[in-house]
Amino acid sequence: MKANPLVLLATAITAVIVALVELYKHNKKFKAFVDGMAKVAGDFFKGIGKWISQAWKYNEKDIRTSR
């Protein structure tokens, strides 16, 4: 039986996702690891947002004073 390679790829990706979800649900160490990584990523992107906001305000002030 020949299967379409894209179907096999989609099936493999689905199987990996299901396995990770089940591991997250049932393994406290893995859940803590994932939650920690999500917090770090969230803090990182909040920092980027704050930096962009400060840079925008600084440049906006600079533009207004140069007119």
C-alpha atoms as a PDB file:
ATOM      1  CA  MET A   1       0.000   0.000   0.000  1.00  0.00           C
ATOM      2  CA  LYS A   2       1.532   3.298  -1.098  1.00  0.00           C
ATOM      3  CA  ALA A   3       0.717   6.353   0.988  1.00  0.00           C
ATOM      4  CA  ASN A   4       1.057   9.963   0.040  1.00  0.00           C
ATOM      5  CA  PRO A   5       4.207  11.376   1.734  1.00  0.00           C
ATOM      6  CA  LEU A   6       2.294  14.470   2.856  1.00  0.00           C
ATOM      7  CA  VAL A   7      -0.297  12.310   4.593  1.00  0.00           C
ATOM      8  CA  LEU A   8       2.501  10.420   6.353  1.00  0.00           C
ATOM      9  CA  LEU A   9       4.095  13.701   7.417  1.00  0.00           C
ATOM     10  CA  ALA A  10       0.791  15.068   8.734  1.00  0.00           C
ATOM     11  CA  THR A  11       0.177  11.811  10.621  1.00  0.00           C
ATOM     12  CA  ALA A  12       3.650  11.903  12.174  1.00  0.00           C
ATOM     13  CA  ILE A  13       3.254  15.540  13.259  1.00  0.00           C
ATOM     14  CA  THR A  14      -0.163  14.767  14.748  1.00  0.00           C
ATOM     15  CA  ALA A  15       1.249  11.788  16.645  1.00  0.00           C
ATOM     16  CA  VAL A  16       4.084  13.901  18.105  1.00  0.00           C
ATOM     17  CA  ILE A  17       1.647  16.630  19.183  1.00  0.00           C
ATOM     18  CA  VAL A  18      -0.689  14.098  20.820  1.00  0.00           C
ATOM     19  CA  ALA A  19       2.262  12.513  22.636  1.00  0.00           C
ATOM     20  CA  LEU A  20       3.477  15.884  23.938  1.00  0.00           C
ATOM     21  CA  VAL A  21      -0.021  16.869  25.101  1.00  0.00           C
ATOM     22  CA  GLU A  22      -0.404  13.598  26.980  1.00  0.00           C
ATOM     23  CA  LEU A  23       3.068  13.980  28.494  1.00  0.00           C
ATOM     24  CA  TYR A  24       2.153  17.531  29.599  1.00  0.00           C
ATOM     25  CA  LYS A  25      -1.051  16.269  31.210  1.00  0.00           C
ATOM     26  CA  HIS A  26       0.529  13.373  33.098  1.00  0.00           C
ATOM     27  CA  ASN A  27       4.140  14.315  33.915  1.00  0.00           C
ATOM     28  CA  LYS A  28       4.651  16.991  36.579  1.00  0.00           C
ATOM     29  CA  LYS A  29       8.323  17.628  35.716  1.00  0.00           C
ATOM     30  CA  PHE A  30       7.575  18.084  32.008  1.00  0.00           C
ATOM     31  CA  LYS A  31       4.605  20.349  32.820  1.00  0.00           C
ATOM     32  CA  ALA A  32       6.774  22.501  35.096  1.00  0.00           C
ATOM     33  CA  PHE A  33       9.455  22.694  32.385  1.00  0.00           C
ATOM     34  CA  VAL A  34       6.963  23.758  29.693  1.00  0.00           C
ATOM     35  CA  ASP A  35       5.278  26.268  32.013  1.00  0.00           C
ATOM     36  CA  GLY A  36       8.681  27.752  32.873  1.00  0.00           C
ATOM     37  CA  MET A  37       9.642  28.037  29.211  1.00  0.00           C
ATOM     38  CA  ALA A  38       6.318  29.734  28.421  1.00  0.00           C
ATOM     39  CA  LYS A  39       6.886  32.237  31.240  1.00  0.00           C
ATOM     40  CA  VAL A  40      10.402  33.025  30.022  1.00  0.00           C
ATOM     41  CA  ALA A  41       9.157  33.487  26.456  1.00  0.00           C
ATOM     42  CA  GLY A  42       6.333  35.744  27.669  1.00  0.00           C
ATOM     43  CA  ASP A  43       8.717  37.876  29.705  1.00  0.00           C
ATOM     44  CA  PHE A  44      11.076  38.118  26.718  1.00  0.00           C
ATOM     45  CA  PHE A  45       8.354  39.388  24.386  1.00  0.00           C
ATOM     46  CA  LYS A  46       7.054  41.811  27.019  1.00  0.00           C
ATOM     47  CA  GLY A  47      10.589  43.201  27.239  1.00  0.00           C
ATOM     48  CA  ILE A  48      10.759  43.590  23.474  1.00  0.00           C
ATOM     49  CA  GLY A  49       7.422  45.401  23.504  1.00  0.00           C
ATOM     50  CA  LYS A  50       8.606  47.734  26.247  1.00  0.00           C
ATOM     51  CA  TRP A  51      11.847  48.441  24.368  1.00  0.00           C
ATOM     52  CA  ILE A  52       9.978  49.231  21.135  1.00  0.00           C
ATOM     53  CA  SER A  53       7.592  51.505  23.014  1.00  0.00           C
ATOM     54  CA  GLN A  54      10.459  53.415  24.638  1.00  0.00           C
ATOM     55  CA  ALA A  55      12.322  53.697  21.325  1.00  0.00           C
ATOM     56  CA  TRP A  56       9.175  55.001  19.643  1.00  0.00           C
ATOM     57  CA  LYS A  57       8.634  57.634  22.345  1.00  0.00           C
ATOM     58  CA  TYR A  58      12.271  58.711  22.163  1.00  0.00           C
ATOM     59  CA  ASN A  59      12.209  59.017  18.371  1.00  0.00           C
ATOM     60  CA  GLU A  60       8.838  60.741  18.399  1.00  0.00           C
ATOM     61  CA  LYS A  61      10.188  63.339  20.835  1.00  0.00           C
ATOM     62  CA  ASP A  62      13.279  63.760  18.658  1.00  0.00           C
ATOM     63  CA  ILE A  63      11.181  64.283  15.526  1.00  0.00           C
ATOM     64  CA  ARG A  64       8.948  66.891  17.185  1.00  0.00           C
ATOM     65  CA  THR A  65      11.887  68.928  18.464  1.00  0.00           C
ATOM     66  CA  SER A  66      13.625  68.930  15.057  1.00  0.00           C
ATOM     67  CA  ARG A  67      10.747  70.708  13.279  1.00  0.00           C
END
